[in-house]
PDB file of all heavy atoms in Angstrom:
ATOM      1  N   ILE A   1     -46.122 -12.517 -18.938  1.00  0.00           N
ATOM      2  CA  ILE A   1     -45.430 -11.611 -19.857  1.00  0.00           C
ATOM      3  C   ILE A   1     -46.469 -10.828 -20.642  1.00  0.00           C
ATOM      4  O   ILE A   1     -47.509 -11.368 -21.046  1.00  0.00           O
ATOM      5  CB  ILE A   1     -44.536 -12.395 -20.847  1.00  0.00           C
ATOM      6  CG1 ILE A   1     -43.356 -13.036 -20.106  1.00  0.00           C
ATOM      7  CG2 ILE A   1     -43.995 -11.476 -21.933  1.00  0.00           C
ATOM      8  CD1 ILE A   1     -42.493 -13.878 -21.017  1.00  0.00           C
ATOM      9  N   ASN A   2     -46.174  -9.541 -20.863  1.00  0.00           N
ATOM     10  CA  ASN A   2     -46.988  -8.723 -21.765  1.00  0.00           C
ATOM     11  C   ASN A   2     -46.130  -8.285 -22.933  1.00  0.00           C
ATOM     12  O   ASN A   2     -45.041  -7.756 -22.751  1.00  0.00           O
ATOM     13  CB  ASN A   2     -47.518  -7.470 -21.045  1.00  0.00           C
ATOM     14  CG  ASN A   2     -48.421  -7.814 -19.868  1.00  0.00           C
ATOM     15  OD1 ASN A   2     -48.157  -7.428 -18.749  1.00  0.00           O
ATOM     16  ND2 ASN A   2     -49.479  -8.555 -20.127  1.00  0.00           N
ATOM     17  N   VAL A   3     -46.647  -8.499 -24.152  1.00  0.00           N
ATOM     18  CA  VAL A   3     -45.965  -8.037 -25.361  1.00  0.00           C
ATOM     19  C   VAL A   3     -46.760  -6.860 -25.888  1.00  0.00           C
ATOM     20  O   VAL A   3     -47.947  -6.967 -26.187  1.00  0.00           O
ATOM     21  CB  VAL A   3     -45.877  -9.163 -26.407  1.00  0.00           C
ATOM     22  CG1 VAL A   3     -45.155  -8.659 -27.658  1.00  0.00           C
ATOM     23  CG2 VAL A   3     -45.160 -10.365 -25.822  1.00  0.00           C
ATOM     24  N   SER A   4     -46.105  -5.692 -26.015  1.00  0.00           N
ATOM     25  CA  SER A   4     -46.825  -4.443 -26.209  1.00  0.00           C
ATOM     26  C   SER A   4     -47.300  -4.191 -27.632  1.00  0.00           C
ATOM     27  O   SER A   4     -48.361  -3.619 -27.837  1.00  0.00           O
ATOM     28  CB  SER A   4     -45.948  -3.262 -25.772  1.00  0.00           C
ATOM     29  OG  SER A   4     -45.596  -3.408 -24.421  1.00  0.00           O
ATOM     30  N   ASN A   5     -46.522  -4.576 -28.643  1.00  0.00           N
ATOM     31  CA  ASN A   5     -46.800  -4.054 -29.984  1.00  0.00           C
ATOM     32  C   ASN A   5     -46.641  -5.117 -31.060  1.00  0.00           C
ATOM     33  O   ASN A   5     -46.001  -4.897 -32.074  1.00  0.00           O
ATOM     34  CB  ASN A   5     -45.874  -2.864 -30.270  1.00  0.00           C
ATOM     35  CG  ASN A   5     -46.315  -2.068 -31.474  1.00  0.00           C
ATOM     36  OD1 ASN A   5     -47.499  -1.969 -31.769  1.00  0.00           O
ATOM     37  ND2 ASN A   5     -45.354  -1.516 -32.193  1.00  0.00           N
ATOM     38  N   SER A   6     -47.203  -6.266 -30.801  1.00  0.00           N
ATOM     39  CA  SER A   6     -47.048  -7.326 -31.803  1.00  0.00           C
ATOM     40  C   SER A   6     -48.261  -8.252 -31.779  1.00  0.00           C
ATOM     41  O   SER A   6     -48.788  -8.559 -30.723  1.00  0.00           O
ATOM     42  CB  SER A   6     -45.779  -8.141 -31.537  1.00  0.00           C
ATOM     43  OG  SER A   6     -45.703  -9.224 -32.441  1.00  0.00           O
ATOM     44  N   TRP A   7     -48.658  -8.677 -32.959  1.00  0.00           N
ATOM     45  CA  TRP A   7     -49.732  -9.652 -33.036  1.00  0.00           C
ATOM     46  C   TRP A   7     -49.208 -11.044 -32.728  1.00  0.00           C
ATOM     47  O   TRP A   7     -49.961 -11.944 -32.390  1.00  0.00           O
ATOM     48  CB  TRP A   7     -50.325  -9.651 -34.448  1.00  0.00           C
ATOM     49  CG  TRP A   7     -49.301  -9.942 -35.521  1.00  0.00           C
ATOM     50  CD1 TRP A   7     -48.531  -9.046 -36.185  1.00  0.00           C
ATOM     51  CD2 TRP A   7     -48.938 -11.226 -36.015  1.00  0.00           C
ATOM     52  NE1 TRP A   7     -47.693  -9.676 -37.066  1.00  0.00           N
ATOM     53  CE2 TRP A   7     -47.932 -11.041 -36.988  1.00  0.00           C
ATOM     54  CE3 TRP A   7     -49.364 -12.532 -35.742  1.00  0.00           C
ATOM     55  CZ2 TRP A   7     -47.331 -12.097 -37.675  1.00  0.00           C
ATOM     56  CZ3 TRP A   7     -48.768 -13.574 -36.436  1.00  0.00           C
ATOM     57  CH2 TRP A   7     -47.759 -13.335 -37.398  1.00  0.00           C
ATOM     58  N   ASN A   8     -47.890 -11.197 -32.798  1.00  0.00           N
ATOM     59  CA  ASN A   8     -47.286 -12.510 -32.590  1.00  0.00           C
ATOM     60  C   ASN A   8     -46.895 -12.671 -31.123  1.00  0.00           C
ATOM     61  O   ASN A   8     -45.955 -12.030 -30.657  1.00  0.00           O
ATOM     62  CB  ASN A   8     -46.043 -12.667 -33.478  1.00  0.00           C
ATOM     63  CG  ASN A   8     -45.511 -14.095 -33.452  1.00  0.00           C
ATOM     64  OD1 ASN A   8     -45.899 -14.889 -32.602  1.00  0.00           O
ATOM     65  ND2 ASN A   8     -44.626 -14.401 -34.380  1.00  0.00           N
ATOM     66  N   THR A   9     -47.616 -13.476 -30.376  1.00  0.00           N
ATOM     67  CA  THR A   9     -47.333 -13.684 -28.958  1.00  0.00           C
ATOM     68  C   THR A   9     -46.691 -15.031 -28.691  1.00  0.00           C
ATOM     69  O   THR A   9     -46.633 -15.487 -27.560  1.00  0.00           O
ATOM     70  CB  THR A   9     -48.638 -13.602 -28.151  1.00  0.00           C
ATOM     71  OG1 THR A   9     -49.548 -14.603 -28.627  1.00  0.00           O
ATOM     72  CG2 THR A   9     -49.260 -12.220 -28.274  1.00  0.00           C
ATOM     73  N   SER A  10     -46.204 -15.668 -29.734  1.00  0.00           N
ATOM     74  CA  SER A  10     -45.665 -17.017 -29.570  1.00  0.00           C
ATOM     75  C   SER A  10     -44.157 -17.030 -29.377  1.00  0.00           C
ATOM     76  O   SER A  10     -43.553 -18.091 -29.314  1.00  0.00           O
ATOM     77  CB  SER A  10     -46.022 -17.873 -30.800  1.00  0.00           C
ATOM     78  OG  SER A  10     -45.437 -17.310 -31.967  1.00  0.00           O
ATOM     79  N   TYR A  11     -43.535 -15.805 -29.295  1.00  0.00           N
ATOM     80  CA  TYR A  11     -42.093 -15.790 -29.081  1.00  0.00           C
ATOM     81  C   TYR A  11     -41.747 -16.526 -27.798  1.00  0.00           C
ATOM     82  O   TYR A  11     -42.428 -16.378 -26.784  1.00  0.00           O
ATOM     83  CB  TYR A  11     -41.559 -14.356 -28.957  1.00  0.00           C
ATOM     84  CG  TYR A  11     -41.708 -13.524 -30.206  1.00  0.00           C
ATOM     85  CD1 TYR A  11     -42.239 -12.249 -30.136  1.00  0.00           C
ATOM     86  CD2 TYR A  11     -41.287 -14.006 -31.441  1.00  0.00           C
ATOM     87  CE1 TYR A  11     -42.365 -11.457 -31.258  1.00  0.00           C
ATOM     88  CE2 TYR A  11     -41.411 -13.230 -32.583  1.00  0.00           C
ATOM     89  CZ  TYR A  11     -41.957 -11.949 -32.489  1.00  0.00           C
ATOM     90  OH  TYR A  11     -42.073 -11.191 -33.602  1.00  0.00           O
ATOM     91  N   GLY A  12     -40.699 -17.287 -27.824  1.00  0.00           N
ATOM     92  CA  GLY A  12     -40.219 -17.937 -26.607  1.00  0.00           C
ATOM     93  C   GLY A  12     -39.164 -17.050 -25.964  1.00  0.00           C
ATOM     94  O   GLY A  12     -38.072 -16.916 -26.501  1.00  0.00           O
ATOM     95  N   HIS A  13     -39.495 -16.419 -24.861  1.00  0.00           N
ATOM     96  CA  HIS A  13     -38.543 -15.559 -24.164  1.00  0.00           C
ATOM     97  C   HIS A  13     -37.939 -16.325 -22.999  1.00  0.00           C
ATOM     98  O   HIS A  13     -38.388 -17.428 -22.667  1.00  0.00           O
ATOM     99  CB  HIS A  13     -39.239 -14.284 -23.681  1.00  0.00           C
ATOM    100  CG  HIS A  13     -39.996 -13.585 -24.772  1.00  0.00           C
ATOM    101  ND1 HIS A  13     -39.406 -13.126 -25.923  1.00  0.00           N
ATOM    102  CD2 HIS A  13     -41.322 -13.292 -24.894  1.00  0.00           C
ATOM    103  CE1 HIS A  13     -40.308 -12.554 -26.701  1.00  0.00           C
ATOM    104  NE2 HIS A  13     -41.495 -12.651 -26.098  1.00  0.00           N
ATOM    105  N   GLU A  14     -36.908 -15.753 -22.387  1.00  0.00           N
ATOM    106  CA  GLU A  14     -36.201 -16.505 -21.351  1.00  0.00           C
ATOM    107  C   GLU A  14     -35.878 -15.621 -20.137  1.00  0.00           C
ATOM    108  O   GLU A  14     -35.654 -14.417 -20.259  1.00  0.00           O
ATOM    109  CB  GLU A  14     -34.900 -17.089 -21.892  1.00  0.00           C
ATOM    110  CG  GLU A  14     -35.119 -18.168 -22.944  1.00  0.00           C
ATOM    111  CD  GLU A  14     -33.801 -18.694 -23.492  1.00  0.00           C
ATOM    112  OE1 GLU A  14     -32.769 -17.982 -23.345  1.00  0.00           O
ATOM    113  OE2 GLU A  14     -33.827 -19.801 -24.051  1.00  0.00           O
ATOM    114  N   ILE A  15     -35.865 -16.288 -18.977  1.00  0.00           N
ATOM    115  CA  ILE A  15     -35.319 -15.694 -17.756  1.00  0.00           C
ATOM    116  C   ILE A  15     -34.024 -16.445 -17.474  1.00  0.00           C
ATOM    117  O   ILE A  15     -34.040 -17.671 -17.301  1.00  0.00           O
ATOM    118  CB  ILE A  15     -36.290 -15.854 -16.571  1.00  0.00           C
ATOM    119  CG1 ILE A  15     -37.648 -15.217 -16.893  1.00  0.00           C
ATOM    120  CG2 ILE A  15     -35.693 -15.243 -15.312  1.00  0.00           C
ATOM    121  CD1 ILE A  15     -38.707 -15.522 -15.845  1.00  0.00           C
ATOM    122  N   TRP A  16     -32.910 -15.712 -17.495  1.00  0.00           N
ATOM    123  CA  TRP A  16     -31.613 -16.339 -17.244  1.00  0.00           C
ATOM    124  C   TRP A  16     -31.230 -16.129 -15.790  1.00  0.00           C
ATOM    125  O   TRP A  16     -31.273 -15.020 -15.270  1.00  0.00           O
ATOM    126  CB  TRP A  16     -30.533 -15.728 -18.138  1.00  0.00           C
ATOM    127  CG  TRP A  16     -30.734 -16.042 -19.600  1.00  0.00           C
ATOM    128  CD1 TRP A  16     -31.759 -16.724 -20.162  1.00  0.00           C
ATOM    129  CD2 TRP A  16     -29.862 -15.655 -20.659  1.00  0.00           C
ATOM    130  NE1 TRP A  16     -31.609 -16.799 -21.522  1.00  0.00           N
ATOM    131  CE2 TRP A  16     -30.442 -16.148 -21.862  1.00  0.00           C
ATOM    132  CE3 TRP A  16     -28.668 -14.964 -20.740  1.00  0.00           C
ATOM    133  CZ2 TRP A  16     -29.862 -15.966 -23.116  1.00  0.00           C
ATOM    134  CZ3 TRP A  16     -28.072 -14.778 -21.979  1.00  0.00           C
ATOM    135  CH2 TRP A  16     -28.665 -15.278 -23.161  1.00  0.00           C
ATOM    136  N   VAL A  17     -30.835 -17.181 -15.111  1.00  0.00           N
ATOM    137  CA  VAL A  17     -30.349 -17.116 -13.738  1.00  0.00           C
ATOM    138  C   VAL A  17     -28.829 -17.210 -13.780  1.00  0.00           C
ATOM    139  O   VAL A  17     -28.272 -18.199 -14.279  1.00  0.00           O
ATOM    140  CB  VAL A  17     -30.931 -18.251 -12.877  1.00  0.00           C
ATOM    141  CG1 VAL A  17     -30.448 -18.117 -11.428  1.00  0.00           C
ATOM    142  CG2 VAL A  17     -32.454 -18.244 -12.940  1.00  0.00           C
ATOM    143  N   LEU A  18     -28.166 -16.170 -13.280  1.00  0.00           N
ATOM    144  CA  LEU A  18     -26.706 -16.115 -13.319  1.00  0.00           C
ATOM    145  C   LEU A  18     -26.116 -16.611 -12.010  1.00  0.00           C
ATOM    146  O   LEU A  18     -26.773 -16.633 -10.966  1.00  0.00           O
ATOM    147  CB  LEU A  18     -26.242 -14.682 -13.577  1.00  0.00           C
ATOM    148  CG  LEU A  18     -26.865 -13.961 -14.781  1.00  0.00           C
ATOM    149  CD1 LEU A  18     -26.238 -12.588 -14.936  1.00  0.00           C
ATOM    150  CD2 LEU A  18     -26.700 -14.771 -16.056  1.00  0.00           C
ATOM    151  N   SER A  19     -24.871 -16.967 -12.053  1.00  0.00           N
ATOM    152  CA  SER A  19     -24.158 -17.319 -10.827  1.00  0.00           C
ATOM    153  C   SER A  19     -24.042 -16.064  -9.955  1.00  0.00           C
ATOM    154  O   SER A  19     -24.115 -14.945 -10.451  1.00  0.00           O
ATOM    155  CB  SER A  19     -22.772 -17.877 -11.150  1.00  0.00           C
ATOM    156  OG  SER A  19     -21.984 -16.883 -11.803  1.00  0.00           O
ATOM    157  N   ARG A  20     -23.839 -16.288  -8.661  1.00  0.00           N
ATOM    158  CA  ARG A  20     -23.789 -15.145  -7.741  1.00  0.00           C
ATOM    159  C   ARG A  20     -22.656 -14.185  -8.091  1.00  0.00           C
ATOM    160  O   ARG A  20     -22.743 -12.985  -7.827  1.00  0.00           O
ATOM    161  CB  ARG A  20     -23.621 -15.635  -6.297  1.00  0.00           C
ATOM    162  CG  ARG A  20     -24.822 -16.424  -5.761  1.00  0.00           C
ATOM    163  CD  ARG A  20     -26.065 -15.571  -5.674  1.00  0.00           C
ATOM    164  NE  ARG A  20     -27.232 -16.289  -5.194  1.00  0.00           N
ATOM    165  CZ  ARG A  20     -27.650 -16.278  -3.936  1.00  0.00           C
ATOM    166  NH1 ARG A  20     -26.983 -15.601  -3.027  1.00  0.00           N
ATOM    167  NH2 ARG A  20     -28.727 -16.957  -3.596  1.00  0.00           N
ATOM    168  N   ASP A  21     -21.590 -14.699  -8.681  1.00  0.00           N
ATOM    169  CA  ASP A  21     -20.469 -13.823  -9.052  1.00  0.00           C
ATOM    170  C   ASP A  21     -20.574 -13.338 -10.497  1.00  0.00           C
ATOM    171  O   ASP A  21     -19.659 -12.694 -11.004  1.00  0.00           O
ATOM    172  CB  ASP A  21     -19.141 -14.547  -8.853  1.00  0.00           C
ATOM    173  CG  ASP A  21     -19.030 -15.814  -9.699  1.00  0.00           C
ATOM    174  OD1 ASP A  21     -19.967 -16.097 -10.492  1.00  0.00           O
ATOM    175  OD2 ASP A  21     -18.028 -16.529  -9.574  1.00  0.00           O
ATOM    176  N   LEU A  22     -21.703 -13.645 -11.166  1.00  0.00           N
ATOM    177  CA  LEU A  22     -21.962 -13.219 -12.550  1.00  0.00           C
ATOM    178  C   LEU A  22     -20.945 -13.779 -13.548  1.00  0.00           C
ATOM    179  O   LEU A  22     -20.765 -13.218 -14.622  1.00  0.00           O
ATOM    180  CB  LEU A  22     -21.979 -11.682 -12.654  1.00  0.00           C
ATOM    181  CG  LEU A  22     -22.942 -10.936 -11.739  1.00  0.00           C
ATOM    182  CD1 LEU A  22     -22.865  -9.439 -12.012  1.00  0.00           C
ATOM    183  CD2 LEU A  22     -24.359 -11.419 -11.945  1.00  0.00           C
ATOM    184  N   ARG A  23     -20.329 -14.931 -13.213  1.00  0.00           N
ATOM    185  CA  ARG A  23     -19.308 -15.476 -14.099  1.00  0.00           C
ATOM    186  C   ARG A  23     -19.890 -16.379 -15.188  1.00  0.00           C
ATOM    187  O   ARG A  23     -19.269 -16.596 -16.216  1.00  0.00           O
ATOM    188  CB  ARG A  23     -18.279 -16.276 -13.296  1.00  0.00           C
ATOM    189  CG  ARG A  23     -17.592 -15.485 -12.200  1.00  0.00           C
ATOM    190  CD  ARG A  23     -16.804 -14.311 -12.722  1.00  0.00           C
ATOM    191  NE  ARG A  23     -15.733 -14.700 -13.618  1.00  0.00           N
ATOM    192  CZ  ARG A  23     -14.930 -13.866 -14.258  1.00  0.00           C
ATOM    193  NH1 ARG A  23     -15.108 -12.560 -14.110  1.00  0.00           N
ATOM    194  NH2 ARG A  23     -13.980 -14.291 -15.051  1.00  0.00           N
ATOM    195  N   TYR A  24     -21.089 -16.904 -14.924  1.00  0.00           N
ATOM    196  CA  TYR A  24     -21.657 -17.801 -15.933  1.00  0.00           C
ATOM    197  C   TYR A  24     -23.170 -17.836 -15.768  1.00  0.00           C
ATOM    198  O   TYR A  24     -23.732 -17.361 -14.782  1.00  0.00           O
ATOM    199  CB  TYR A  24     -21.080 -19.221 -15.802  1.00  0.00           C
ATOM    200  CG  TYR A  24     -21.306 -19.849 -14.452  1.00  0.00           C
ATOM    201  CD1 TYR A  24     -22.466 -20.583 -14.178  1.00  0.00           C
ATOM    202  CD2 TYR A  24     -20.357 -19.720 -13.439  1.00  0.00           C
ATOM    203  CE1 TYR A  24     -22.679 -21.150 -12.946  1.00  0.00           C
ATOM    204  CE2 TYR A  24     -20.561 -20.282 -12.197  1.00  0.00           C
ATOM    205  CZ  TYR A  24     -21.720 -20.999 -11.958  1.00  0.00           C
ATOM    206  OH  TYR A  24     -21.923 -21.557 -10.731  1.00  0.00           O
ATOM    207  N   ILE A  25     -23.858 -18.402 -16.799  1.00  0.00           N
ATOM    208  CA  ILE A  25     -25.313 -18.579 -16.753  1.00  0.00           C
ATOM    209  C   ILE A  25     -25.610 -19.931 -16.109  1.00  0.00           C
ATOM    210  O   ILE A  25     -25.209 -20.979 -16.617  1.00  0.00           O
ATOM    211  CB  ILE A  25     -25.928 -18.528 -18.162  1.00  0.00           C
ATOM    212  CG1 ILE A  25     -25.610 -17.177 -18.817  1.00  0.00           C
ATOM    213  CG2 ILE A  25     -27.432 -18.748 -18.106  1.00  0.00           C
ATOM    214  CD1 ILE A  25     -26.024 -17.116 -20.273  1.00  0.00           C
TER     215      ILE A  25
END
């Protein structure tokens, strides 16, 4: 991950995988 404009790089970001029909995470 690249964070463009912040000195704080400790944010916890997420990749969400959805169901094939997009009905739920």
